[in-house]
Amino acid sequence: QVQLVESGGGLVQAGDSLRLSCAASGRTGSYYAMGWFRQAPGKEREFVGAISGSGSTTLFPDSVKGRFTISRDNAKNTVYLQMNSLEPEDTAVYYCATRQFLGSVTGRADDYDYWGQGTQVTVSS
């Protein structure tokens, strides 16, 4: 069973940076695409970034492009979401997710099969 554990969330001020980590366990071998999503109270889940299994391809929505980056350390089975120039609108619970099968990078939540429990990010103005 694949397990994902996010960490690194917290309370920061607008303009600050934060790095989230997602540690994966439960499977070895080929590397799988990983995605990050967020959900604020009363809002739908939103895609914030994804990275291919090799790490060579990343995908971001316009809302975070230029501020967020994703990287991965496959030796540690960990993916990172670096968030810079944070805004109060970035306040949400952030989730990482991965796919059951090998596949391309995608921003569709339905394409992901395993999810972490989430980590809260709060950005004060």
Protein backbone atom coordinates (compact mmCIF):
# COMPACT_ATOMS: atom_id res chain seq x y z
CA GLN A 1 0.00 0.00 0.00
CA VAL A 2 1.41 3.33 -1.03
CA GLN A 3 1.57 5.90 1.73
CA LEU A 4 2.27 9.61 1.38
CA VAL A 5 3.13 11.87 4.28
CA GLU A 6 3.31 15.63 3.87
CA SER A 7 5.23 17.91 6.18
CA GLY A 8 6.52 21.45 6.34
CA GLY A 9 3.32 23.42 6.63
CA GLY A 10 2.89 26.27 9.04
CA LEU A 11 2.03 29.90 9.60
CA VAL A 12 4.00 32.47 7.62
CA GLN A 13 3.63 36.08 6.57
CA ALA A 14 2.87 37.33 3.10
CA GLY A 15 6.02 37.38 1.02
CA ASP A 16 7.67 34.56 2.93
CA SER A 17 8.72 31.20 1.57
CA LEU A 18 7.90 27.69 2.68
CA ARG A 19 8.97 24.26 1.52
CA LEU A 20 6.66 21.30 1.78
CA SER A 21 7.86 17.72 1.66
CA CYS A 22 6.04 14.58 0.65
CA ALA A 23 7.60 11.28 1.66
CA ALA A 24 6.39 8.21 -0.18
CA SER A 25 6.60 4.62 0.98
CA GLY A 26 5.15 1.27 0.08
CA ARG A 27 6.58 0.70 -3.37
CA THR A 28 9.95 0.69 -5.04
CA GLY A 29 11.29 0.50 -8.55
CA SER A 30 10.10 2.87 -11.25
CA TYR A 31 9.36 6.43 -10.33
CA TYR A 32 5.88 7.81 -10.57
CA ALA A 33 4.48 11.22 -11.31
CA MET A 34 3.64 13.23 -8.21
CA GLY A 35 1.23 16.09 -7.85
CA TRP A 36 0.42 18.78 -5.33
CA PHE A 37 -3.06 20.08 -4.71
CA ARG A 38 -4.60 22.43 -2.18
CA GLN A 39 -8.02 23.06 -0.76
CA ALA A 40 -9.14 26.14 1.11
CA PRO A 41 -12.28 26.18 3.27
CA GLY A 42 -15.37 26.41 1.13
CA LYS A 43 -13.43 26.02 -2.10
CA GLU A 44 -12.80 23.19 -4.50
CA ARG A 45 -9.53 21.31 -4.58
CA GLU A 46 -7.02 23.11 -6.77
CA PHE A 47 -4.01 21.81 -8.66
CA VAL A 48 -0.76 23.59 -7.77
CA GLY A 49 1.93 21.55 -9.47
CA ALA A 50 3.20 18.20 -10.62
CA ILE A 51 6.48 16.54 -11.49
CA SER A 52 7.30 13.56 -13.66
CA GLY A 53 8.87 10.41 -12.32
CA SER A 54 12.29 11.37 -13.60
CA GLY A 55 11.94 14.95 -12.44
CA SER A 56 12.59 16.29 -15.92
CA THR A 57 9.09 17.66 -16.45
CA THR A 58 7.03 19.92 -14.22
CA LEU A 59 3.62 21.42 -14.65
CA PHE A 60 2.08 24.43 -12.90
CA PRO A 61 -1.13 26.41 -13.19
CA ASP A 62 -0.90 30.12 -13.92
CA SER A 63 -1.92 30.95 -10.35
CA VAL A 64 1.43 29.76 -8.96
CA LYS A 65 3.70 29.75 -11.98
CA GLY A 66 6.88 31.66 -11.24
CA ARG A 67 6.36 31.40 -7.47
CA PHE A 68 6.20 27.64 -6.87
CA THR A 69 8.68 25.00 -7.93
CA ILE A 70 8.74 21.23 -7.51
CA SER A 71 11.70 18.94 -7.17
CA ARG A 72 12.23 15.37 -6.13
CA ASP A 73 14.88 13.20 -4.59
CA ASN A 74 14.14 9.69 -5.79
CA ALA A 75 16.82 8.23 -3.58
CA LYS A 76 14.79 9.47 -0.62
CA ASN A 77 11.38 8.88 -2.21
CA THR A 78 10.56 12.48 -1.43
CA VAL A 79 9.05 15.30 -3.44
CA TYR A 80 9.32 18.94 -2.48
CA LEU A 81 7.09 21.92 -3.16
CA GLN A 82 8.99 25.18 -2.80
CA MET A 83 6.63 28.10 -2.37
CA ASN A 84 7.97 31.63 -2.66
CA SER A 85 6.31 35.03 -2.42
CA LEU A 86 3.40 33.53 -0.55
CA GLU A 87 0.10 35.38 -0.54
CA PRO A 88 -2.86 35.12 1.83
CA GLU A 89 -4.73 33.49 -1.07
CA ASP A 90 -2.31 30.56 -0.82
CA THR A 91 -3.77 29.63 2.56
CA ALA A 92 -5.09 26.07 2.32
CA VAL A 93 -4.46 22.48 3.20
CA TYR A 94 -1.86 21.13 0.80
CA TYR A 95 -1.95 17.53 -0.37
CA CYS A 96 0.49 15.47 -2.35
CA ALA A 97 -0.68 12.65 -4.56
CA THR A 98 0.73 9.98 -6.82
CA ARG A 99 -0.52 7.70 -9.55
CA GLN A 100 -1.01 3.98 -9.31
CA PHE A 101 0.54 3.37 -12.69
CA LEU A 102 3.32 5.00 -14.64
CA GLY A 103 2.05 7.91 -16.62
CA SER A 104 2.64 11.44 -17.72
CA VAL A 105 2.44 14.56 -15.61
CA THR A 106 -1.13 15.71 -15.15
CA GLY A 107 -3.05 18.35 -13.26
CA ARG A 108 -6.27 16.36 -13.00
CA ALA A 109 -7.02 15.16 -9.49
CA ASP A 110 -8.89 12.15 -10.88
CA ASP A 111 -5.64 10.88 -12.41
CA TYR A 112 -4.11 10.41 -8.97
CA ASP A 113 -4.82 7.33 -6.90
CA TYR A 114 -3.00 7.85 -3.62
CA TRP A 115 -3.19 10.90 -1.41
CA GLY A 116 -1.52 12.14 1.72
CA GLN A 117 -3.32 13.46 4.76
CA GLY A 118 -2.47 17.07 4.02
CA THR A 119 -0.54 19.83 5.74
CA GLN A 120 -1.92 23.25 6.63
CA VAL A 121 -0.36 26.36 5.18
CA THR A 122 -1.55 29.69 6.54
CA VAL A 123 -0.32 32.97 5.12
CA SER A 124 -1.09 36.08 7.11
CA SER A 125 -1.29 39.53 5.52
